[in-house]
């Protein structure tokens, strides 16, 4: 048919037939066909929601897309920023509407409800078609969440010059579905406090690249900024100040804001390590509090860990976790479990007395603590999430449903899946956004926080490396993480963006539409585009190269 004759597969490789600088979509869709026809957005363009009883958050998402379409005003990343496109405007057809609909038989649920369903049951796929003749574009999906994902793609297709919003690629046909169900971003709000507005802005940027989980590491040894109704003294005594507390209403606001953008909030209360600050409210529950030298007793200052061998501490922790978890809609809750330091307990009198009285080993006591706290969460319908040490370094029994986060090294994933656990890939050798800032400890001028993890290094990560094909299904996805020893609201945008978009594409796309592997040469021009669009929308995303390079794709490659 005539339509197919001028469609081309968007190969997005050097020397492709597309106009330079228009390869903008991030993450790249599963299948993508484009043409070479210019299509303008009508001044009267509108979104036609053909869904009876469309939920309010879908209508809000449509209004948001309308706003971006009218206000992004992003010039194409070419020399002249689109000045050479004006001739094509004269004869271009005009697009007047995008029709949104759900597949026949699909349930009409809010985006917020779809976003917090269990992994593997969320429907995020969509189909987007934009004809070249000006007839209505269509966006269809099996859920409102899928429609939301499609709206983010639609907005990335258009540029602006001289009062005209347009694409050079019509007709466009996209069918898209995520490669992995979990695509996260982790943020530590204990080392430094982030105002709610900074978290909102981060959630917005996450949604633009289809990240669907906010891993909220909300407490640690340095501060406990979370208000817990049943244990108010934790925040009263553990926050940096009364102004640096996430109240119950703050948490609910963030959770709802995230869900409306297709994002689940997985909170983490790290236990039994990383809990020194709890001594400010419960000194009898914490061993080796502020012991010196701290490096002998903990991963970082101040020293202090829960006395998990004591029944009263186990019961307190189970109550604390469940009282927090039951206020959150997510099916997932992280109890941490990393960097537990045995030295902390070696000379701790209450711990040693309890071990002697019961005949338990420290490992056995940790097993009882974990089974009790996890059992309490499971009874609330939550799936426990832990760091890899719980599966690899301690001889304890974990529920088969437990999800394990791999962080120490990408090489550790194979050992975890060998035990049959589902994993989230967050390896520090690829995905730590905090690395490269230099040493943050005092009196150590030659120290290092490790090498800076560039977007391109992260982009080379293979989630399935060293695994057998039978084990692939145990990889749920992955995330990049910002630990906040040297980060706060002042620099969160440039530290995170656009680097965190690299893992967003790894775990949404998995490969290029042609079936070829992802590669940094093809991806760089598209990531430039993502970064410039983020800046247009108020994100202080760091440049990847001089602007001269961004406007001349491949000209700054090493061997160009």
Protein backbone atom coordinates (compact mmCIF):
# COMPACT_ATOMS: atom_id res chain seq x y z
CA UNK A 1 0.00 0.00 0.00
CA UNK A 2 1.11 3.60 -0.60
CA UNK A 3 1.46 4.31 3.13
CA UNK A 4 4.09 1.65 3.58
CA UNK A 5 6.19 2.86 0.65
CA UNK A 6 7.31 6.01 2.42
CA UNK A 7 7.59 4.52 5.89
CA UNK A 8 11.11 3.71 7.01
CA UNK A 9 12.37 1.86 10.03
CA UNK A 10 14.13 4.32 12.29
CA UNK A 11 17.52 2.68 12.61
CA UNK A 12 19.15 5.53 14.49
CA UNK A 13 22.67 4.70 13.40
CA UNK A 14 25.34 6.82 11.77
CA UNK A 15 24.46 7.48 8.16
CA UNK A 16 20.73 6.79 8.56
CA UNK A 17 18.26 8.56 6.27
CA UNK A 18 16.67 10.70 8.95
CA UNK A 19 17.27 14.44 9.24
CA UNK A 20 20.10 15.08 11.70
CA UNK A 21 19.07 15.89 15.23
CA UNK A 22 15.52 14.54 15.21
CA UNK A 23 16.21 11.19 16.85
CA UNK A 24 14.75 12.37 20.12
CA UNK A 25 12.78 9.61 21.78
CA UNK A 26 13.99 8.39 25.16
CA UNK A 27 13.61 5.60 26.04
CA UNK A 28 13.58 4.31 22.49
CA UNK A 29 10.34 2.42 21.74
CA UNK A 30 10.07 -1.28 21.06
CA UNK A 31 9.02 -0.73 17.44
CA UNK A 32 9.19 2.54 15.56
CA UNK A 33 8.35 3.45 11.99
CA UNK A 34 8.67 6.99 10.66
CA UNK A 35 8.39 8.91 7.44
CA UNK A 36 9.97 12.11 6.11
CA UNK A 37 6.94 14.39 5.97
CA UNK A 38 6.64 17.64 7.92
CA UNK A 39 3.53 17.91 10.09
CA UNK A 40 2.53 20.99 12.09
CA UNK A 41 0.53 21.17 15.31
CA UNK A 42 -2.63 23.21 14.83
CA UNK A 43 -3.10 26.25 17.09
CA UNK A 44 -6.43 24.62 17.96
CA UNK A 45 -4.90 21.20 18.69
CA UNK A 46 -6.60 19.22 21.44
CA UNK A 47 -6.56 15.81 23.10
CA UNK A 48 -9.79 13.89 22.58
CA UNK A 49 -10.30 11.48 25.49
CA UNK A 50 -12.76 8.86 24.22
CA UNK A 51 -13.05 7.03 27.53
CA UNK A 52 -16.31 6.98 29.43
CA UNK A 53 -15.71 7.90 33.05
CA UNK A 54 -12.09 8.89 32.41
CA UNK A 55 -10.40 9.28 35.82
CA UNK A 56 -9.33 12.72 36.94
CA UNK A 57 -5.61 11.89 36.96
CA UNK A 58 -5.80 10.90 33.29
CA UNK A 59 -7.45 14.22 32.49
CA UNK A 60 -4.74 15.96 34.52
CA UNK A 61 -2.09 14.07 32.52
CA UNK A 62 -3.72 15.20 29.29
CA UNK A 63 -3.71 18.80 30.50
CA UNK A 64 -0.05 18.41 31.41
CA UNK A 65 0.73 17.11 27.91
CA UNK A 66 -1.14 20.03 26.38
CA UNK A 67 0.95 22.38 28.49
CA UNK A 68 4.23 20.77 27.44
CA UNK A 69 3.19 20.82 23.79
CA UNK A 70 2.49 24.54 23.99
CA UNK A 71 5.39 25.54 26.23
CA UNK A 72 8.38 23.27 25.59
CA UNK A 73 9.37 25.39 22.58
CA UNK A 74 12.44 23.22 22.05
CA UNK A 75 14.40 23.98 18.90
CA UNK A 76 15.86 21.04 17.01
CA UNK A 77 19.43 20.29 17.98
CA UNK A 78 20.96 21.29 14.68
CA UNK A 79 22.87 24.38 13.56
CA UNK A 80 20.25 27.11 13.31
CA UNK A 81 17.94 25.24 15.71
CA UNK A 82 15.33 24.70 12.96
CA UNK A 83 15.80 27.77 10.77
CA UNK A 84 16.25 25.54 7.73
CA UNK A 85 12.90 23.85 8.37
CA UNK A 86 10.78 26.89 7.57
CA UNK A 87 10.45 26.07 3.86
CA UNK A 88 8.81 22.78 4.78
CA UNK A 89 6.24 24.60 6.95
CA UNK A 90 4.64 26.27 3.93
CA UNK A 91 3.18 23.07 2.53
CA UNK A 92 2.90 21.07 5.74
CA UNK A 93 -0.35 19.49 6.80
CA UNK A 94 -1.75 20.36 10.24
CA UNK A 95 -2.50 17.94 13.08
CA UNK A 96 -5.59 18.97 15.02
CA UNK A 97 -6.07 16.25 17.62
CA UNK A 98 -4.82 13.14 19.34
CA UNK A 99 -7.53 10.65 20.26
CA UNK A 100 -6.97 8.59 23.40
CA UNK A 101 -8.80 5.30 23.87
CA UNK A 102 -8.57 2.03 25.76
CA UNK A 103 -8.71 -1.35 24.11
CA UNK A 104 -12.10 -3.03 24.17
CA UNK A 105 -12.79 -4.68 27.50
CA UNK A 106 -10.09 -2.77 29.38
CA UNK A 107 -10.96 -1.66 32.89
CA UNK A 108 -11.03 2.08 33.46
CA UNK A 109 -8.88 2.70 36.52
CA UNK A 110 -6.92 5.76 37.64
CA UNK A 111 -3.26 5.98 36.65
CA UNK A 112 -2.59 6.13 40.39
CA UNK A 113 -4.16 2.72 40.93
CA UNK A 114 -2.42 1.12 37.96
CA UNK A 115 0.99 2.47 39.03
CA UNK A 116 1.03 0.64 42.37
CA UNK A 117 -0.10 -2.79 41.23
CA UNK A 118 2.33 -5.67 41.80
CA UNK A 119 5.23 -5.95 39.38
CA UNK A 120 4.31 -8.05 36.41
CA UNK A 121 0.64 -7.04 36.55
CA UNK A 122 0.98 -3.42 35.44
CA UNK A 123 0.04 -2.70 31.86
CA UNK A 124 2.37 0.00 30.50
CA UNK A 125 2.27 -0.84 26.79
CA UNK A 126 0.71 1.51 24.23
CA UNK A 127 0.40 2.14 20.49
CA UNK A 128 0.77 5.62 18.98
CA UNK A 129 0.00 6.49 15.37
CA UNK A 130 0.38 9.90 13.74
CA UNK A 131 -0.68 10.06 10.08
CA UNK A 132 1.07 12.45 7.66
CA UNK A 133 -2.15 13.80 6.12
CA UNK A 134 -3.38 15.76 9.14
CA UNK A 135 -6.05 13.27 10.16
CA UNK A 136 -6.39 12.49 13.85
CA UNK A 137 -3.50 10.84 15.63
CA UNK A 138 -4.42 7.94 17.90
CA UNK A 139 -3.07 6.66 21.20
CA UNK A 140 -4.41 3.33 22.45
CA UNK A 141 -3.53 1.18 25.43
CA UNK A 142 -4.90 -1.45 27.76
CA UNK A 143 -4.75 0.87 30.77
CA UNK A 144 -4.62 4.52 31.71
CA UNK A 145 -1.03 3.91 32.79
CA UNK A 146 -0.20 2.82 29.25
CA UNK A 147 -1.87 5.97 27.92
CA UNK A 148 0.27 8.03 30.26
CA UNK A 149 3.44 6.38 28.93
CA UNK A 150 2.28 7.11 25.39
CA UNK A 151 1.64 10.77 26.21
CA UNK A 152 5.26 11.18 27.34
CA UNK A 153 6.40 9.77 24.00
CA UNK A 154 4.04 12.00 22.02
CA UNK A 155 5.47 15.13 23.64
CA UNK A 156 9.04 14.14 22.72
CA UNK A 157 8.25 14.06 19.01
CA UNK A 158 7.80 17.78 18.44
CA UNK A 159 10.06 20.80 18.04
CA UNK A 160 9.48 24.53 17.81
CA UNK A 161 10.70 27.28 15.53
CA UNK A 162 9.27 30.67 14.64
CA UNK A 163 5.90 30.08 16.26
CA UNK A 164 5.43 26.61 14.74
CA UNK A 165 5.42 23.31 16.64
CA UNK A 166 6.20 20.48 14.25
CA UNK A 167 7.76 17.14 13.43
CA UNK A 168 9.70 16.16 10.31
CA UNK A 169 9.01 12.44 10.75
CA UNK A 170 5.35 11.91 9.83
CA UNK A 171 3.82 9.43 9.49
CA UNK A 172 4.83 7.87 12.82
CA UNK A 173 3.85 4.45 14.11
CA UNK A 174 4.97 3.23 17.53
CA UNK A 175 4.22 0.09 19.49
CA UNK A 176 5.94 0.08 22.83
CA UNK A 177 6.22 -2.06 25.94
CA UNK A 178 8.83 -2.18 28.73
CA UNK A 179 11.53 -4.83 28.73
CA UNK A 180 11.55 -4.98 32.56
CA UNK A 181 8.80 -4.24 35.08
CA UNK A 182 11.02 -2.39 37.60
CA UNK A 183 12.76 0.83 36.55
CA UNK A 184 13.82 2.87 39.53
CA UNK A 185 15.66 5.84 40.92
CA UNK A 186 16.93 5.73 44.50
CA UNK A 187 17.29 8.88 46.62
CA UNK A 188 18.79 9.14 50.10
CA UNK A 189 17.04 11.87 52.12
CA UNK A 190 18.81 11.16 55.42
CA UNK A 191 22.33 12.50 54.87
CA UNK A 192 20.71 15.68 53.59
CA UNK A 193 17.07 16.68 53.69
CA UNK A 194 15.32 17.43 50.39
CA UNK A 195 12.24 19.67 50.48
CA UNK A 196 9.07 18.19 49.04
CA UNK A 197 9.34 20.51 46.03
CA UNK A 198 12.69 18.97 45.05
CA UNK A 199 11.24 15.49 45.29
CA UNK A 200 8.28 16.60 43.15
CA UNK A 201 10.60 17.95 40.48
CA UNK A 202 12.61 14.72 40.54
CA UNK A 203 9.42 12.69 40.14
CA UNK A 204 8.41 14.81 37.14
CA UNK A 205 11.73 14.15 35.42
CA UNK A 206 11.49 10.44 36.25
CA UNK A 207 8.10 10.23 34.57
CA UNK A 208 9.43 11.83 31.36
CA UNK A 209 11.80 8.89 30.84
CA UNK A 210 9.32 6.25 32.08
CA UNK A 211 11.02 5.45 35.40
CA UNK A 212 8.30 3.79 37.46
CA UNK A 213 9.70 3.39 41.00
CA UNK A 214 10.93 5.95 43.50
CA UNK A 215 13.15 4.07 45.97
CA UNK A 216 13.00 6.37 48.96
CA UNK A 217 15.90 5.74 51.36
CA UNK A 218 14.35 8.03 53.91
CA UNK A 219 16.31 7.31 57.11
CA UNK A 220 19.87 6.35 58.05
CA UNK A 221 22.37 6.71 60.88
CA UNK A 222 22.66 10.47 60.44
CA UNK A 223 19.01 11.48 60.69
CA UNK A 224 15.47 10.14 61.03
CA UNK A 225 13.37 12.76 59.23
CA UNK A 226 10.19 10.65 58.97
CA UNK A 227 7.21 11.40 61.18
CA UNK A 228 5.69 8.15 62.46
CA UNK A 229 2.45 8.63 64.37
CA UNK A 230 3.07 5.72 66.76
CA UNK A 231 6.71 6.72 67.37
CA UNK A 232 6.83 10.53 67.18
CA UNK A 233 10.00 10.74 69.27
CA UNK A 234 12.06 9.29 66.40
CA UNK A 235 11.62 12.39 64.24
CA UNK A 236 11.44 14.79 67.17
CA UNK A 237 14.85 13.64 68.36
CA UNK A 238 16.30 12.34 65.10
CA UNK A 239 15.61 14.99 62.45
CA UNK A 240 18.18 17.70 61.78
CA UNK A 241 15.55 20.29 62.72
CA UNK A 242 11.76 20.52 63.09
CA UNK A 243 11.68 22.05 59.62
CA UNK A 244 13.50 19.07 58.09
CA UNK A 245 10.84 16.44 58.69
CA UNK A 246 8.59 14.58 56.28
CA UNK A 247 5.23 14.74 57.98
CA UNK A 248 2.56 12.13 57.41
CA UNK A 249 0.80 14.55 55.06
CA UNK A 250 4.07 15.20 53.19
CA UNK A 251 4.51 11.47 52.61
CA UNK A 252 0.95 11.02 51.40
CA UNK A 253 1.30 14.01 49.09
CA UNK A 254 4.50 12.62 47.58
CA UNK A 255 3.00 9.14 47.19
CA UNK A 256 -0.08 10.51 45.42
CA UNK A 257 1.94 12.90 43.28
CA UNK A 258 4.19 10.02 42.21
CA UNK A 259 1.34 7.61 41.50
CA UNK A 260 -0.42 10.12 39.26
CA UNK A 261 2.80 10.11 37.20
CA UNK A 262 2.96 6.34 36.97
CA UNK A 263 5.47 5.97 39.81
CA UNK A 264 5.33 3.59 42.76
CA UNK A 265 7.03 4.73 46.00
CA UNK A 266 9.10 1.96 47.60
CA UNK A 267 10.24 3.22 50.98
CA UNK A 268 13.30 1.90 52.79
CA UNK A 269 13.90 1.88 56.54
CA UNK A 270 17.36 0.35 56.73
CA UNK A 271 17.75 -2.12 59.63
CA UNK A 272 19.48 -3.32 61.74
CA UNK A 273 22.52 -1.35 60.55
CA UNK A 274 22.45 2.32 59.57
CA UNK A 275 20.30 3.05 62.62
CA UNK A 276 22.54 4.99 65.02
CA UNK A 277 20.18 7.96 65.11
CA UNK A 278 17.50 5.83 66.78
CA UNK A 279 19.60 6.06 69.94
CA UNK A 280 18.45 9.67 70.25
CA UNK A 281 15.01 8.32 71.11
CA UNK A 282 15.73 4.74 72.19
CA UNK A 283 19.30 4.55 73.52
CA UNK A 284 18.67 1.12 75.07
CA UNK A 285 17.95 -0.34 71.60
CA UNK A 286 21.25 0.69 69.95
CA UNK A 287 24.66 -0.95 70.36
CA UNK A 288 28.05 0.81 70.02
CA UNK A 289 26.44 4.22 69.69
CA UNK A 290 29.06 6.78 68.65
CA UNK A 291 31.84 4.29 69.38
CA UNK A 292 35.31 5.36 68.32
CA UNK A 293 37.06 4.91 66.01
CA UNK A 294 33.83 4.75 64.07
CA UNK A 295 35.38 2.91 61.11
CA UNK A 296 35.92 -0.17 63.29
CA UNK A 297 32.22 -0.32 64.14
CA UNK A 298 30.34 0.95 61.08
CA UNK A 299 30.48 1.79 57.40
CA UNK A 300 30.40 5.52 58.10
CA UNK A 301 29.91 7.81 61.09
CA UNK A 302 28.22 7.78 63.49
CA UNK A 303 28.54 4.20 64.72
CA UNK A 304 25.45 2.51 66.10
CA UNK A 305 23.25 -0.46 65.16
CA UNK A 306 20.06 -1.97 66.53
CA UNK A 307 20.52 -4.67 69.18
CA UNK A 308 18.63 -7.11 67.01
CA UNK A 309 19.28 -10.06 69.36
CA UNK A 310 16.98 -8.54 71.98
CA UNK A 311 13.30 -9.56 71.67
CA UNK A 312 12.11 -6.09 72.62
CA UNK A 313 14.16 -4.58 69.77
CA UNK A 314 12.82 -7.11 67.31
CA UNK A 315 9.24 -6.36 68.38
CA UNK A 316 9.85 -2.61 68.25
CA UNK A 317 11.31 -2.85 64.75
CA UNK A 318 8.49 -5.04 63.46
CA UNK A 319 5.96 -2.57 64.85
CA UNK A 320 7.82 0.43 63.42
CA UNK A 321 8.10 -1.06 59.94
CA UNK A 322 4.49 -2.19 59.74
CA UNK A 323 3.15 1.10 61.07
CA UNK A 324 5.00 2.87 58.27
CA UNK A 325 4.30 0.30 55.56
CA UNK A 326 0.55 0.17 56.15
CA UNK A 327 0.30 3.87 55.23
CA UNK A 328 1.82 3.21 51.79
CA UNK A 329 -0.01 1.68 48.80
CA UNK A 330 3.11 0.01 47.38
CA UNK A 331 3.36 -3.77 47.58
CA UNK A 332 7.10 -3.41 48.25
CA UNK A 333 8.97 -2.26 51.33
CA UNK A 334 12.73 -2.33 51.85
CA UNK A 335 14.22 -3.28 55.21
CA UNK A 336 17.80 -2.74 54.00
CA UNK A 337 20.14 -5.13 55.77
CA UNK A 338 23.42 -3.87 54.33
CA UNK A 339 26.76 -3.25 56.03
CA UNK A 340 25.98 -4.89 59.35
CA UNK A 341 29.18 -4.65 61.38
CA UNK A 342 29.89 -7.60 63.69
CA UNK A 343 32.43 -5.61 65.73
CA UNK A 344 29.58 -3.50 67.04
CA UNK A 345 28.18 -6.50 68.90
CA UNK A 346 31.37 -8.25 69.99
CA UNK A 347 31.65 -6.31 73.26
CA UNK A 348 28.03 -5.19 73.57
CA UNK A 349 26.92 -6.49 76.94
CA UNK A 350 23.13 -6.76 76.32
CA UNK A 351 23.71 -8.56 73.02
CA UNK A 352 26.27 -10.99 74.39
CA UNK A 353 24.13 -11.73 77.46
CA UNK A 354 21.13 -12.51 75.27
CA UNK A 355 23.15 -14.75 72.97
CA UNK A 356 24.58 -16.61 75.96
CA UNK A 357 21.13 -16.95 77.57
CA UNK A 358 19.52 -18.38 74.42
CA UNK A 359 22.47 -20.27 73.00
CA UNK A 360 22.01 -18.42 69.72
CA UNK A 361 24.74 -17.24 67.39
CA UNK A 362 24.72 -13.71 66.04
CA UNK A 363 23.65 -15.15 62.68
CA UNK A 364 20.80 -17.03 64.33
CA UNK A 365 19.64 -13.92 66.11
CA UNK A 366 19.70 -11.96 62.85
CA UNK A 367 17.65 -14.73 61.26
CA UNK A 368 15.01 -14.47 63.99
CA UNK A 369 14.98 -10.68 63.73
CA UNK A 370 14.57 -10.76 59.95
CA UNK A 371 11.94 -13.48 59.91
CA UNK A 372 9.92 -11.60 62.53
CA UNK A 373 10.14 -8.19 60.87
CA UNK A 374 9.56 -9.61 57.39
CA UNK A 375 6.72 -11.76 58.66
CA UNK A 376 5.03 -8.65 60.02
CA UNK A 377 5.37 -6.94 56.64
CA UNK A 378 4.13 -9.97 54.74
CA UNK A 379 1.06 -10.05 57.01
CA UNK A 380 0.38 -6.50 55.77
CA UNK A 381 0.54 -7.69 52.16
CA UNK A 382 4.02 -6.29 51.57
CA UNK A 383 6.91 -7.98 49.78
CA UNK A 384 10.22 -7.45 51.62
CA UNK A 385 13.17 -6.01 49.71
CA UNK A 386 16.75 -6.33 51.04
CA UNK A 387 20.30 -5.52 50.08
CA UNK A 388 22.46 -8.37 48.83
CA UNK A 389 24.33 -9.08 52.08
CA UNK A 390 21.20 -10.61 53.56
CA UNK A 391 21.25 -13.28 50.86
CA UNK A 392 25.00 -13.76 50.43
CA UNK A 393 26.81 -12.94 53.69
CA UNK A 394 24.50 -14.12 56.47
CA UNK A 395 23.27 -17.64 57.07
CA UNK A 396 19.60 -16.72 57.44
CA UNK A 397 16.41 -17.92 55.82
CA UNK A 398 14.54 -15.41 53.70
CA UNK A 399 11.08 -15.82 52.24
CA UNK A 400 11.20 -17.02 48.65
CA UNK A 401 9.25 -13.88 47.72
CA UNK A 402 12.00 -11.59 49.02
CA UNK A 403 13.53 -9.30 46.40
CA UNK A 404 17.27 -8.72 46.62
CA UNK A 405 19.02 -5.55 45.49
CA UNK A 406 22.51 -6.14 44.08
CA UNK A 407 24.75 -3.18 44.89
CA UNK A 408 28.33 -4.10 45.77
CA UNK A 409 29.30 -5.34 42.31
CA UNK A 410 27.57 -6.34 39.11
CA UNK A 411 29.44 -9.65 39.43
CA UNK A 412 27.33 -10.55 42.49
CA UNK A 413 24.06 -10.91 40.59
CA UNK A 414 24.81 -14.49 39.53
CA UNK A 415 25.32 -15.65 43.14
CA UNK A 416 22.00 -14.14 44.22
CA UNK A 417 19.90 -15.59 41.41
CA UNK A 418 21.61 -18.93 41.97
CA UNK A 419 19.73 -18.95 45.29
CA UNK A 420 16.48 -18.42 43.42
CA UNK A 421 15.80 -14.83 44.45
CA UNK A 422 14.41 -12.16 42.18
CA UNK A 423 16.81 -9.25 41.89
CA UNK A 424 16.95 -5.52 41.25
CA UNK A 425 20.19 -4.47 39.59
CA UNK A 426 21.77 -1.44 41.30
CA UNK A 427 25.51 -2.19 41.09
CA UNK A 428 27.87 0.46 42.37
CA UNK A 429 30.35 -0.22 39.56
CA UNK A 430 27.81 1.14 37.06
CA UNK A 431 24.92 2.93 38.75
CA UNK A 432 26.09 4.98 41.74
CA UNK A 433 25.39 8.65 41.03
CA UNK A 434 27.31 9.75 44.14
CA UNK A 435 30.66 8.37 43.00
CA UNK A 436 33.30 10.73 41.68
CA UNK A 437 32.72 13.68 43.98
CA UNK A 438 35.93 13.09 45.90
CA UNK A 439 36.35 12.08 49.52
CA UNK A 440 33.72 13.38 51.91
CA UNK A 441 35.47 12.21 55.09
CA UNK A 442 37.67 14.75 56.83
CA UNK A 443 41.38 14.34 57.47
CA UNK A 444 41.79 12.19 54.37
CA UNK A 445 42.96 14.48 51.55
CA UNK A 446 43.92 11.69 49.16
CA UNK A 447 40.75 9.67 49.70
CA UNK A 448 38.21 8.99 46.99
CA UNK A 449 34.55 8.14 46.71
CA UNK A 450 35.34 6.05 43.65
CA UNK A 451 35.36 6.99 39.96
CA UNK A 452 32.63 9.14 38.47
CA UNK A 453 30.06 6.93 36.75
CA UNK A 454 29.35 8.58 33.42
CA UNK A 455 26.05 8.11 31.63
CA UNK A 456 27.88 6.23 28.91
CA UNK A 457 29.54 3.80 31.32
CA UNK A 458 26.19 3.14 32.98
CA UNK A 459 24.63 2.67 29.53
CA UNK A 460 26.94 -0.26 28.78
CA UNK A 461 25.52 -2.29 31.67
CA UNK A 462 24.06 -5.65 30.70
CA UNK A 463 21.37 -6.73 33.21
CA UNK A 464 21.67 -10.37 32.10
CA UNK A 465 25.45 -10.73 32.12
CA UNK A 466 26.73 -13.99 33.60
CA UNK A 467 23.21 -15.40 33.98
CA UNK A 468 21.71 -18.42 32.29
CA UNK A 469 18.67 -18.00 30.08
CA UNK A 470 16.59 -19.82 32.69
CA UNK A 471 17.57 -17.15 35.23
CA UNK A 472 16.65 -14.15 33.09
CA UNK A 473 13.14 -14.01 34.50
CA UNK A 474 14.56 -13.38 37.97
CA UNK A 475 15.86 -9.96 36.87
CA UNK A 476 13.04 -7.52 37.63
CA UNK A 477 14.96 -4.48 36.41
CA UNK A 478 17.23 -1.96 38.05
CA UNK A 479 17.91 1.54 39.25
CA UNK A 480 20.50 4.23 39.75
CA UNK A 481 20.94 5.64 43.24
CA UNK A 482 22.01 8.96 44.69
CA UNK A 483 23.51 8.67 48.15
CA UNK A 484 23.52 12.14 49.65
CA UNK A 485 26.76 12.54 51.59
CA UNK A 486 27.66 15.32 49.15
CA UNK A 487 24.31 16.04 47.57
CA UNK A 488 21.26 18.03 48.55
CA UNK A 489 18.61 20.25 47.02
CA UNK A 490 21.34 22.56 45.73
CA UNK A 491 22.80 20.02 43.29
CA UNK A 492 20.33 17.16 42.95
CA UNK A 493 19.33 18.05 39.38
CA UNK A 494 22.81 18.12 37.80
CA UNK A 495 23.98 15.09 39.78
CA UNK A 496 21.01 12.97 38.67
CA UNK A 497 20.10 14.29 35.24
CA UNK A 498 20.49 13.31 32.55
CA UNK A 499 22.68 10.43 33.83
CA UNK A 500 19.77 8.56 35.42
CA UNK A 501 18.07 8.43 32.03
CA UNK A 502 20.70 5.89 30.94
CA UNK A 503 19.28 3.13 33.15
CA UNK A 504 15.75 4.22 32.28
CA UNK A 505 16.42 3.16 28.68
CA UNK A 506 18.32 0.00 29.61
CA UNK A 507 15.35 -1.29 31.55
CA UNK A 508 12.54 0.04 29.33
CA UNK A 509 13.99 -0.63 25.88
CA UNK A 510 16.60 -3.33 26.39
CA UNK A 511 17.62 -2.97 22.73
CA UNK A 512 17.11 -0.78 19.69
CA UNK A 513 13.94 -1.10 17.57
CA UNK A 514 15.99 -2.91 14.92
CA UNK A 515 16.92 -5.57 17.46
CA UNK A 516 20.50 -4.28 17.66
CA UNK A 517 22.09 -3.82 21.05
CA UNK A 518 22.00 -0.42 22.71
CA UNK A 519 25.17 1.57 22.06
CA UNK A 520 26.43 4.92 23.26
CA UNK A 521 27.21 6.35 19.81
CA UNK A 522 23.62 5.99 18.66
CA UNK A 523 22.22 7.09 22.02
CA UNK A 524 24.19 10.31 22.59
CA UNK A 525 22.24 12.60 20.22
CA UNK A 526 18.97 11.39 21.74
CA UNK A 527 20.22 11.93 25.28
CA UNK A 528 21.30 15.45 24.36
CA UNK A 529 17.72 16.03 23.27
CA UNK A 530 16.33 14.66 26.55
CA UNK A 531 18.64 16.92 28.51
CA UNK A 532 17.69 20.06 26.53
CA UNK A 533 13.99 19.28 26.91
CA UNK A 534 14.46 18.78 30.66
CA UNK A 535 16.10 22.20 30.88
CA UNK A 536 13.15 23.72 29.00
CA UNK A 537 10.90 22.24 31.69
CA UNK A 538 12.89 23.60 34.62
CA UNK A 539 15.32 20.77 35.42
CA UNK A 540 18.90 21.96 35.95
CA UNK A 541 20.33 19.01 34.04
CA UNK A 542 24.07 19.06 33.42
CA UNK A 543 25.38 19.39 29.83
CA UNK A 544 26.93 16.29 28.29
CA UNK A 545 29.20 18.11 25.83
CA UNK A 546 29.79 21.62 24.50
CA UNK A 547 26.71 22.88 22.69
CA UNK A 548 28.68 22.84 19.43
CA UNK A 549 28.83 19.05 19.75
CA UNK A 550 25.14 18.75 20.61
CA UNK A 551 24.23 20.65 17.44
CA UNK A 552 26.51 18.51 15.25
CA UNK A 553 25.91 14.86 16.15
CA UNK A 554 28.98 12.60 15.99
CA UNK A 555 31.35 15.52 15.26
CA UNK A 556 32.87 15.18 18.73
CA UNK A 557 33.26 11.41 18.68
CA UNK A 558 36.77 10.27 19.58
CA UNK A 559 37.74 9.31 16.03
CA UNK A 560 35.48 11.63 14.04
